[in-house]
Amino acid sequence: MQAVQDLARHNGEIAKQDRIDIRERIAACVADPATFVADPFVGKLAEALLEEEREPTSRTPVTYRTWGPEGIEAACHEQMREACKLPGAVAAALMPDAHVGYGLPIGGVLALENAVCPYAVGVDIACRMKLTVYDIAPENFTRQADLFRRALQGGTVFGVGKERKQRVDHAVMDQDWTVSRITREKKDVAWGQLGTSGSGNHFVEWGVLTLEQPELGLEARPYIALLSHSGSRGTGAAVCSTYSEMARAQLPKKFGDVGRLAWLGMDTEAGQEYFAAMNLMGDYAAANHDVIHKLVARIVGEKPIAGVENHHNFCWLEEHGGKQVYVHRKGATPAGKGVLGVIPGSMGSPAFVVRGLGNPDSLDSASHGAGRLMSRTEAKRHFNLNKVRRELAHIGIEVLAAGSDEVPGVYKNIHQVMASQRDLVEPVARFDPKMVLMCGDGSRAED
């Protein structure tokens, strides 16, 4: 230990002069460092020992199971292995849509004991799926395409930093936004962005929901449904950034290389603040979808008859293996036994309403989508959006706006992804996109 070496150099001459047995003093300090903090000879050693006692100790990395391993890159596994080395890690899993992210890979599931990791939740806190079903026959949708097109365009706003021209009221804005400094300071921004969708892989789209058997309180037949994907916008990103920086600043020196995997103890003020702010962002993201779906419904003049929704960038306090642990699902869908969720494919492939099977090996989790095959930069080099739009139009899918980095070719095959997680979820309905709206202004992705 460096402290012992420094102590020997510093105290060598003093020990000779005062004729104390420094070896006995060091031994006593190691046995009970708290009583030697003020000692002129071994005080620094005592402080170093006490600091080490306060630090979490390293442990054997937890193992994790992977679903669909043939489609997951080596760098993704490297990120997962690093996450499994965290001192508070007790369990982990990797979903079939996994790809490289910041800190924890997207599609990664990580359970920590008494700790939260902001980047294991992600920048877009509480990114979420919401499906609303309407009693509209598919043929009526085709006849009234202009109305449904206007509803999408009037129901939300896309783009980094974009706000609605006219703010909307929602009960979420009456909640306690003083749970952290950053939520208090960003409340006005959040209100301006309430009912907006951001950029990246976020979307709102109309499609045909097909039920082969009675489900969701509905009879078995096709319905028109609205599906949306977005999260907590700029305020959620600010919460992640703020508390991740705090976590990195508070890291014990021996864990200085964990980078974005820095964690906050739940026995600290910062950990409690982050968890409260994250939960507020969960409520805000749900409100965001609620506003969008209500505005769209108002324009088309229809009332919903059923719906399903779920988070997939979040941290839940759950019991696994007889322990209360903080389960981080970054790009992973909650799939506890009987729990409903939505797993999308791409603008050119179906989404599925699923029911969780409660597999303990996955920490009751499933994929959150198909998963990317290539980076956004690479996608823009490979694909021409106008060409893809024409191809999709031939199979009955209209793309109102999007980027070439979100075309179907950048995603894994959703059918293969679903097949690889048969032990995690069972599909109960299929949603086929018919009219898609995404961010088309070229702004940088927030996801």
Protein backbone atom coordinates (compact mmCIF):
# COMPACT_ATOMS: atom_id res chain seq x y z
CA MET A 1 0.00 0.00 0.00
CA GLN A 2 1.31 3.44 -0.96
CA ALA A 3 0.29 4.86 2.41
CA VAL A 4 2.60 2.43 4.22
CA GLN A 5 5.53 3.31 1.95
CA ASP A 6 4.95 7.02 2.46
CA LEU A 7 4.68 6.44 6.20
CA ALA A 8 7.98 4.59 6.31
CA ARG A 9 9.82 7.36 4.47
CA HIS A 10 8.16 10.10 6.50
CA ASN A 11 8.56 8.54 9.93
CA GLY A 12 11.91 6.82 9.59
CA GLU A 13 13.98 9.59 11.12
CA ILE A 14 11.31 10.50 13.69
CA ALA A 15 11.18 6.92 14.90
CA LYS A 16 14.93 6.90 15.43
CA GLN A 17 14.81 10.16 17.37
CA ASP A 18 11.86 9.25 19.60
CA ARG A 19 12.84 5.58 19.95
CA ILE A 20 9.29 4.36 19.36
CA ASP A 21 8.66 0.95 17.82
CA ILE A 22 6.99 2.04 14.57
CA ARG A 23 6.20 -1.57 13.70
CA GLU A 24 4.10 -1.95 16.83
CA ARG A 25 2.38 1.37 16.11
CA ILE A 26 1.51 0.30 12.54
CA ALA A 27 0.18 -3.04 13.74
CA ALA A 28 -2.03 -1.35 16.31
CA CYS A 29 -3.26 1.14 13.69
CA VAL A 30 -4.19 -1.64 11.26
CA ALA A 31 -6.13 -3.39 14.03
CA ASP A 32 -8.06 -0.25 15.05
CA PRO A 33 -7.46 2.67 12.63
CA ALA A 34 -10.20 4.89 14.10
CA THR A 35 -8.19 5.46 17.28
CA PHE A 36 -5.07 6.59 15.38
CA VAL A 37 -6.46 9.31 13.08
CA ALA A 38 -4.80 12.09 15.11
CA ASP A 39 -1.54 10.18 15.70
CA PRO A 40 1.46 12.17 14.35
CA PHE A 41 3.16 9.00 13.14
CA VAL A 42 0.41 6.80 11.67
CA GLY A 43 -2.47 9.28 11.18
CA LYS A 44 -2.24 9.17 7.39
CA LEU A 45 -2.22 5.39 7.42
CA ALA A 46 -5.29 5.39 9.68
CA GLU A 47 -7.15 7.70 7.28
CA ALA A 48 -6.24 5.51 4.30
CA LEU A 49 -7.43 2.39 6.10
CA LEU A 50 -10.71 4.01 7.10
CA GLU A 51 -11.28 5.20 3.54
CA GLU A 52 -10.73 1.67 2.26
CA GLU A 53 -13.25 0.36 4.78
CA ARG A 54 -15.82 2.80 3.43
CA GLU A 55 -15.18 1.79 -0.19
CA PRO A 56 -17.10 -1.14 -1.69
CA THR A 57 -14.78 -4.08 -2.16
CA SER A 58 -14.27 -5.84 -5.47
CA ARG A 59 -15.96 -9.17 -5.94
CA THR A 60 -16.09 -11.95 -8.48
CA PRO A 61 -18.05 -10.66 -11.50
CA VAL A 62 -21.60 -11.96 -11.78
CA THR A 63 -22.40 -14.07 -14.82
CA TYR A 64 -25.11 -13.24 -17.32
CA ARG A 65 -27.15 -15.16 -19.85
CA THR A 66 -27.58 -13.94 -23.42
CA TRP A 67 -30.63 -14.41 -25.62
CA GLY A 68 -30.00 -14.46 -29.38
CA PRO A 69 -26.17 -14.45 -29.05
CA GLU A 70 -25.54 -14.91 -32.78
CA GLY A 71 -26.58 -11.32 -33.53
CA ILE A 72 -24.68 -9.50 -30.76
CA GLU A 73 -21.29 -7.88 -31.35
CA ALA A 74 -18.21 -8.53 -29.22
CA ALA A 75 -18.04 -4.92 -28.00
CA CYS A 76 -21.51 -5.30 -26.51
CA HIS A 77 -20.40 -8.31 -24.50
CA GLU A 78 -17.34 -6.40 -23.33
CA GLN A 79 -19.58 -3.64 -21.97
CA MET A 80 -21.73 -6.23 -20.24
CA ARG A 81 -18.73 -7.93 -18.64
CA GLU A 82 -17.53 -4.58 -17.28
CA ALA A 83 -20.97 -3.91 -15.79
CA CYS A 84 -20.93 -7.33 -14.13
CA LYS A 85 -17.74 -6.36 -12.29
CA LEU A 86 -19.41 -3.52 -10.39
CA PRO A 87 -19.17 -4.17 -6.64
CA GLY A 88 -22.92 -3.98 -6.14
CA ALA A 89 -23.83 -6.25 -9.08
CA VAL A 90 -25.86 -9.33 -8.08
CA ALA A 91 -27.41 -10.44 -11.41
CA ALA A 92 -27.50 -9.52 -15.10
CA ALA A 93 -28.90 -10.53 -18.50
CA LEU A 94 -28.52 -9.51 -22.14
CA MET A 95 -31.52 -9.30 -24.47
CA PRO A 96 -31.56 -10.36 -28.16
CA ASP A 97 -31.82 -6.77 -29.47
CA ALA A 98 -28.64 -5.76 -27.61
CA HIS A 99 -26.13 -3.35 -29.13
CA VAL A 100 -23.42 -1.02 -27.86
CA GLY A 101 -24.55 1.93 -25.75
CA TYR A 102 -22.99 4.27 -23.20
CA GLY A 103 -21.91 2.35 -20.09
CA LEU A 104 -24.40 -0.51 -20.04
CA PRO A 105 -25.26 -1.80 -23.53
CA ILE A 106 -28.73 -1.18 -24.86
CA GLY A 107 -30.59 -4.40 -24.17
CA GLY A 108 -28.68 -4.86 -20.93
CA VAL A 109 -30.35 -5.75 -17.63
CA LEU A 110 -28.39 -5.20 -14.42
CA ALA A 111 -29.42 -5.72 -10.79
CA LEU A 112 -27.47 -3.75 -8.18
CA GLU A 113 -27.76 -4.03 -4.43
CA ASN A 114 -28.37 -0.69 -2.68
CA ALA A 115 -27.13 1.33 -5.67
CA VAL A 116 -28.32 3.00 -8.86
CA CYS A 117 -26.31 3.68 -12.02
CA PRO A 118 -27.63 6.60 -14.13
CA TYR A 119 -26.13 5.32 -17.38
CA ALA A 120 -27.51 1.83 -16.76
CA VAL A 121 -30.90 3.54 -17.10
CA GLY A 122 -29.79 5.75 -19.97
CA VAL A 123 -30.08 9.29 -21.26
CA ASP A 124 -33.72 9.00 -22.29
CA ILE A 125 -35.13 8.09 -18.90
CA ALA A 126 -38.43 6.19 -19.10
CA CYS A 127 -38.39 5.90 -22.87
CA ARG A 128 -41.73 4.25 -23.36
CA MET A 129 -44.17 2.48 -25.66
CA LYS A 130 -47.88 3.28 -25.76
CA LEU A 131 -50.50 1.54 -27.89
CA THR A 132 -54.08 2.80 -28.11
CA VAL A 133 -56.75 0.76 -29.93
CA TYR A 134 -59.75 2.30 -31.70
CA ASP A 135 -62.94 0.74 -33.01
CA ILE A 136 -62.06 1.65 -36.58
CA ALA A 137 -62.13 -0.82 -39.45
CA PRO A 138 -58.96 -0.85 -41.62
CA GLU A 139 -60.97 0.05 -44.75
CA ASN A 140 -62.22 3.23 -43.07
CA PHE A 141 -58.63 4.21 -42.31
CA THR A 142 -57.78 3.93 -46.02
CA ARG A 143 -60.77 6.04 -47.04
CA GLN A 144 -59.91 8.76 -44.52
CA ALA A 145 -56.13 8.77 -44.91
CA ASP A 146 -55.94 12.58 -44.98
CA LEU A 147 -57.65 12.84 -41.59
CA PHE A 148 -55.30 10.32 -39.99
CA ARG A 149 -52.30 12.03 -41.58
CA ARG A 150 -53.35 15.38 -40.09
CA ALA A 151 -53.86 13.71 -36.72
CA LEU A 152 -50.27 12.48 -36.57
CA GLN A 153 -48.86 15.79 -37.70
CA GLY A 154 -51.04 17.77 -35.30
CA GLY A 155 -50.67 15.41 -32.36
CA THR A 156 -46.95 15.84 -31.67
CA VAL A 157 -43.75 17.69 -32.59
CA PHE A 158 -40.41 16.15 -33.55
CA GLY A 159 -36.86 17.50 -33.24
CA VAL A 160 -34.15 18.01 -30.62
CA GLY A 161 -35.15 20.78 -28.23
CA LYS A 162 -38.50 21.35 -29.96
CA GLU A 163 -41.48 22.57 -27.93
CA ARG A 164 -45.17 22.85 -28.63
CA LYS A 165 -46.36 26.26 -29.79
CA GLN A 166 -49.17 26.09 -27.27
CA ARG A 167 -48.63 24.42 -23.91
CA VAL A 168 -51.04 21.82 -22.62
CA ASP A 169 -52.16 21.21 -19.06
CA HIS A 170 -51.52 17.90 -17.36
CA ALA A 171 -51.56 16.72 -13.73
CA VAL A 172 -47.88 15.73 -13.98
CA MET A 173 -46.91 19.40 -13.91
CA ASP A 174 -48.58 19.68 -10.47
CA GLN A 175 -46.31 17.03 -8.97
CA ASP A 176 -43.30 17.91 -6.82
CA TRP A 177 -40.59 19.07 -9.25
CA THR A 178 -38.33 20.14 -6.37
CA VAL A 179 -37.14 16.57 -5.72
CA SER A 180 -33.82 17.65 -7.25
CA ARG A 181 -32.16 20.85 -8.37
CA ILE A 182 -32.15 19.79 -12.02
CA THR A 183 -35.88 18.92 -12.15
CA ARG A 184 -36.72 22.19 -10.42
CA GLU A 185 -34.63 24.18 -12.90
CA LYS A 186 -35.90 22.25 -15.94
CA LYS A 187 -39.61 22.24 -15.07
CA ASP A 188 -40.40 25.06 -17.50
CA VAL A 189 -38.53 23.30 -20.31
CA ALA A 190 -40.38 20.07 -19.51
CA TRP A 191 -43.73 21.83 -19.70
CA GLY A 192 -42.87 23.30 -23.08
CA GLN A 193 -41.89 19.85 -24.38
CA LEU A 194 -44.91 18.03 -22.95
CA GLY A 195 -46.63 16.27 -25.83
CA THR A 196 -43.55 16.15 -28.10
CA SER A 197 -41.49 13.28 -29.44
CA GLY A 198 -37.88 14.37 -29.87
CA SER A 199 -35.69 12.60 -32.42
CA GLY A 200 -33.75 9.38 -33.02
CA ASN A 201 -35.86 6.22 -33.05
CA HIS A 202 -38.92 7.92 -31.59
CA PHE A 203 -42.11 7.72 -33.63
CA VAL A 204 -45.88 7.90 -33.75
CA GLU A 205 -47.64 5.67 -36.24
CA TRP A 206 -50.98 4.28 -37.27
CA GLY A 207 -51.28 0.60 -37.95
CA VAL A 208 -53.50 -2.45 -37.99
CA LEU A 209 -53.62 -4.43 -34.74
CA THR A 210 -54.60 -8.05 -35.36
CA LEU A 211 -55.96 -10.28 -32.61
CA GLU A 212 -56.11 -13.96 -33.52
CA GLN A 213 -57.87 -14.71 -30.23
CA PRO A 214 -59.86 -12.51 -27.83
CA GLU A 215 -57.42 -10.33 -25.85
CA LEU A 216 -57.21 -6.95 -24.13
CA GLY A 217 -60.95 -7.13 -23.56
CA LEU A 218 -61.49 -7.19 -27.33
CA GLU A 219 -62.89 -9.76 -29.73
CA ALA A 220 -60.59 -11.39 -32.27
CA ARG A 221 -60.43 -9.20 -35.40
CA PRO A 222 -58.33 -6.37 -36.89
CA TYR A 223 -58.44 -2.87 -35.40
CA ILE A 224 -56.79 0.45 -36.19
CA ALA A 225 -54.35 1.44 -33.43
CA LEU A 226 -51.93 4.24 -32.63
CA LEU A 227 -48.43 3.35 -31.43
CA SER A 228 -45.92 5.84 -30.03
CA HIS A 229 -42.34 5.65 -28.79
CA SER A 230 -40.64 8.49 -26.89
CA GLY A 231 -39.46 9.39 -23.41
CA SER A 232 -38.67 12.23 -21.03
CA ARG A 233 -37.05 14.52 -23.58
CA GLY A 234 -34.46 17.13 -22.57
CA THR A 235 -35.22 17.09 -18.86
CA GLY A 236 -34.62 13.34 -18.60
CA ALA A 237 -31.31 13.74 -20.43
CA ALA A 238 -30.30 16.50 -18.01
CA VAL A 239 -31.12 14.29 -15.00
CA CYS A 240 -28.96 11.48 -16.40
CA SER A 241 -26.04 13.77 -17.21
CA THR A 242 -26.14 15.60 -13.88
CA TYR A 243 -26.22 12.52 -11.66
CA SER A 244 -23.79 10.53 -13.77
CA GLU A 245 -21.25 13.34 -13.31
CA MET A 246 -21.93 13.31 -9.57
CA ALA A 247 -21.45 9.55 -9.49
CA ARG A 248 -18.12 9.77 -11.32
CA ALA A 249 -16.92 12.53 -9.01
CA GLN A 250 -17.74 10.42 -5.95
CA LEU A 251 -16.14 7.20 -7.19
CA PRO A 252 -13.50 5.66 -4.94
CA LYS A 253 -10.09 5.95 -6.62
CA LYS A 254 -9.76 2.24 -7.23
CA PHE A 255 -12.92 2.30 -9.38
CA GLY A 256 -11.86 5.31 -11.43
CA ASP A 257 -11.89 3.31 -14.66
CA VAL A 258 -15.60 2.42 -14.65
CA GLY A 259 -16.47 5.67 -16.46
CA ARG A 260 -20.15 5.87 -17.32
CA LEU A 261 -20.90 2.86 -15.14
CA ALA A 262 -20.37 5.04 -12.06
CA TRP A 263 -23.04 4.39 -9.44
CA LEU A 264 -24.67 6.19 -6.54
CA GLY A 265 -25.34 4.43 -3.26
CA MET A 266 -28.96 4.48 -2.20
CA ASP A 267 -27.75 5.36 1.29
CA THR A 268 -26.49 8.71 -0.09
CA GLU A 269 -28.39 11.93 -0.68
CA ALA A 270 -27.39 11.93 -4.35
CA GLY A 271 -28.66 8.38 -4.83
CA GLN A 272 -32.01 9.21 -3.25
CA GLU A 273 -32.29 12.39 -5.34
CA TYR A 274 -31.54 10.58 -8.58
CA PHE A 275 -34.08 7.85 -7.84
CA ALA A 276 -36.77 10.43 -7.04
CA ALA A 277 -35.94 12.46 -10.16
CA MET A 278 -35.93 9.31 -12.31
CA ASN A 279 -39.38 8.33 -11.04
CA LEU A 280 -40.66 11.83 -11.76
CA MET A 281 -39.30 11.46 -15.30
CA GLY A 282 -41.22 8.18 -15.53
CA ASP A 283 -44.45 10.00 -14.71
CA TYR A 284 -43.51 12.78 -17.13
CA ALA A 285 -42.81 10.35 -19.99
CA ALA A 286 -46.16 8.63 -19.39
CA ALA A 287 -47.86 12.05 -19.43
CA ASN A 288 -46.04 12.90 -22.65
CA HIS A 289 -47.63 9.90 -24.39
CA ASP A 290 -50.98 10.60 -22.76
CA VAL A 291 -51.02 14.11 -24.22
CA ILE A 292 -50.02 12.91 -27.70
CA HIS A 293 -52.64 10.17 -27.79
CA LYS A 294 -55.41 12.48 -26.54
CA LEU A 295 -54.56 15.15 -29.10
CA VAL A 296 -54.52 12.60 -31.91
CA ALA A 297 -57.84 11.10 -30.75
CA ARG A 298 -59.40 14.56 -30.62
CA ILE A 299 -58.43 15.24 -34.24
CA VAL A 300 -59.81 11.94 -35.56
CA GLY A 301 -62.88 12.18 -33.32
CA GLU A 302 -62.54 8.70 -31.83
CA LYS A 303 -62.41 7.27 -28.31
CA PRO A 304 -60.00 4.47 -27.30
CA ILE A 305 -61.36 1.02 -26.53
CA ALA A 306 -58.16 -0.59 -25.20
CA GLY A 307 -54.48 0.10 -24.62
CA VAL A 308 -51.08 -1.20 -23.49
CA GLU A 309 -47.99 0.75 -22.38
CA ASN A 310 -44.62 0.20 -20.70
CA HIS A 311 -41.27 1.83 -19.87
CA HIS A 312 -38.01 0.37 -21.10
CA ASN A 313 -35.26 2.71 -19.82
CA PHE A 314 -35.78 2.63 -16.09
CA CYS A 315 -34.75 1.24 -12.73
CA TRP A 316 -37.17 -0.67 -10.51
CA LEU A 317 -36.79 -1.82 -6.90
CA GLU A 318 -37.74 -5.50 -7.12
CA GLU A 319 -37.18 -8.76 -5.29
CA HIS A 320 -35.00 -11.34 -7.03
CA GLY A 321 -33.32 -14.31 -5.38
CA GLY A 322 -34.79 -13.32 -2.05
CA LYS A 323 -33.13 -9.87 -2.16
CA GLN A 324 -34.43 -6.37 -2.75
CA VAL A 325 -32.37 -5.10 -5.70
CA TYR A 326 -32.42 -2.20 -8.14
CA VAL A 327 -33.09 -3.67 -11.57
CA HIS A 328 -31.85 -1.47 -14.42
CA ARG A 329 -33.48 -2.23 -17.77
CA LYS A 330 -31.74 -0.17 -20.43
CA GLY A 331 -33.59 -0.93 -23.62
CA ALA A 332 -35.35 -3.91 -22.05
CA THR A 333 -39.05 -4.48 -21.49
CA PRO A 334 -40.46 -5.60 -18.11
CA ALA A 335 -41.72 -9.16 -18.62
CA GLY A 336 -42.89 -10.41 -15.25
CA LYS A 337 -45.44 -13.20 -15.35
CA GLY A 338 -48.64 -11.88 -16.92
CA VAL A 339 -47.25 -8.37 -17.51
CA LEU A 340 -48.27 -6.81 -20.84
CA GLY A 341 -45.88 -4.80 -23.00
CA VAL A 342 -45.14 -3.70 -26.56
CA ILE A 343 -42.05 -4.70 -28.56
CA PRO A 344 -41.69 -2.79 -31.87
CA GLY A 345 -39.82 -3.83 -35.01
CA SER A 346 -39.19 -1.01 -37.49
CA MET A 347 -41.19 1.28 -39.78
CA GLY A 348 -41.38 -1.63 -42.22
CA SER A 349 -41.94 -4.54 -39.84
CA PRO A 350 -44.49 -5.44 -37.17
CA ALA A 351 -44.62 -4.70 -33.47
CA PHE A 352 -45.99 -7.22 -30.99
CA VAL A 353 -48.12 -6.90 -27.88
CA VAL A 354 -46.64 -9.46 -25.51
CA ARG A 355 -47.38 -11.06 -22.17
CA GLY A 356 -44.43 -11.73 -19.89
CA LEU A 357 -43.60 -15.27 -18.78
CA GLY A 358 -41.61 -14.22 -15.69
CA ASN A 359 -38.30 -15.91 -16.50
CA PRO A 360 -35.97 -15.40 -13.50
CA ASP A 361 -32.84 -15.85 -15.66
CA SER A 362 -33.69 -12.62 -17.50
CA LEU A 363 -34.73 -10.84 -14.30
CA ASP A 364 -38.29 -10.82 -15.72
CA SER A 365 -37.16 -8.91 -18.82
CA ALA A 366 -37.40 -9.10 -22.63
CA SER A 367 -36.13 -7.09 -25.59
CA HIS A 368 -37.40 -3.55 -26.16
CA GLY A 369 -37.37 -3.83 -29.95
CA ALA A 370 -35.53 -5.39 -32.88
CA GLY A 371 -32.18 -3.75 -32.10
CA ARG A 372 -29.83 -1.88 -34.42
CA LEU A 373 -27.50 -3.61 -36.87
CA MET A 374 -25.45 -0.52 -37.75
CA SER A 375 -24.62 2.95 -36.47
CA ARG A 376 -26.51 6.02 -37.59
CA THR A 377 -23.49 7.31 -39.49
CA GLU A 378 -23.11 4.02 -41.36
CA ALA A 379 -26.85 3.90 -42.08
CA LYS A 380 -26.79 7.34 -43.69
CA ARG A 381 -24.01 6.15 -46.01
CA HIS A 382 -25.86 3.00 -46.99
CA PHE A 383 -29.48 4.05 -47.46
CA ASN A 384 -31.44 6.59 -49.46
CA LEU A 385 -34.63 7.57 -47.65
CA ASN A 386 -36.63 8.44 -50.76
CA LYS A 387 -35.86 5.05 -52.28
CA VAL A 388 -36.89 3.28 -49.08
CA ARG A 389 -40.07 5.34 -48.90
CA ARG A 390 -41.05 4.22 -52.40
CA GLU A 391 -40.36 0.60 -51.50
CA LEU A 392 -42.49 0.83 -48.37
CA ALA A 393 -45.30 2.57 -50.24
CA HIS A 394 -45.52 -0.51 -52.50
CA ILE A 395 -46.38 -2.65 -49.47
CA GLY A 396 -48.89 -0.14 -48.09
CA ILE A 397 -46.76 1.81 -45.58
CA GLU A 398 -46.64 5.60 -45.86
CA VAL A 399 -43.66 7.36 -44.26
CA LEU A 400 -44.55 10.99 -43.59
CA ALA A 401 -41.10 11.93 -42.26
CA ALA A 402 -38.02 10.08 -41.01
CA GLY A 403 -34.26 9.89 -41.37
CA SER A 404 -32.26 7.42 -43.44
CA ASP A 405 -30.73 6.21 -40.14
CA GLU A 406 -34.10 4.72 -39.15
CA VAL A 407 -35.04 2.70 -42.22
CA PRO A 408 -35.85 -1.02 -41.84
CA GLY A 409 -32.41 -2.13 -43.06
CA VAL A 410 -30.64 -0.75 -39.99
CA TYR A 411 -32.56 -3.10 -37.68
CA LYS A 412 -32.37 -6.80 -36.89
CA ASN A 413 -35.12 -9.11 -38.08
CA ILE A 414 -37.90 -8.71 -35.51
CA HIS A 415 -39.22 -12.23 -36.19
CA GLN A 416 -35.84 -13.75 -35.34
CA VAL A 417 -35.61 -11.59 -32.22
CA MET A 418 -39.05 -12.72 -31.09
CA ALA A 419 -38.20 -16.36 -31.81
CA SER A 420 -35.08 -16.13 -29.64
CA GLN A 421 -37.08 -15.02 -26.60
CA ARG A 422 -39.96 -17.49 -26.61
CA ASP A 423 -39.12 -18.31 -23.00
CA LEU A 424 -39.44 -14.65 -21.98
CA VAL A 425 -42.70 -13.48 -23.60
CA GLU A 426 -45.65 -14.75 -25.60
CA PRO A 427 -47.12 -12.55 -28.37
CA VAL A 428 -50.84 -11.85 -27.97
CA ALA A 429 -51.35 -9.40 -30.86
CA ARG A 430 -49.53 -8.11 -33.93
CA PHE A 431 -49.34 -4.46 -35.03
CA ASP A 432 -48.47 -3.72 -38.69
CA PRO A 433 -47.46 -0.09 -39.45
CA LYS A 434 -49.48 1.78 -42.09
CA MET A 435 -48.58 5.45 -41.59
CA VAL A 436 -45.32 6.49 -39.88
CA LEU A 437 -44.10 9.84 -38.57
CA MET A 438 -40.57 10.31 -37.21
CA CYS A 439 -38.05 13.13 -36.93
CA GLY A 440 -37.13 14.25 -40.43
CA ASP A 441 -35.11 17.40 -39.75
CA GLY A 442 -31.73 15.67 -39.45
CA SER A 443 -31.29 16.66 -35.81
CA ARG A 444 -29.04 14.53 -33.65
CA ALA A 445 -30.63 11.50 -32.02
CA GLU A 446 -31.46 11.73 -28.31
CA ASP A 447 -31.74 7.97 -27.73
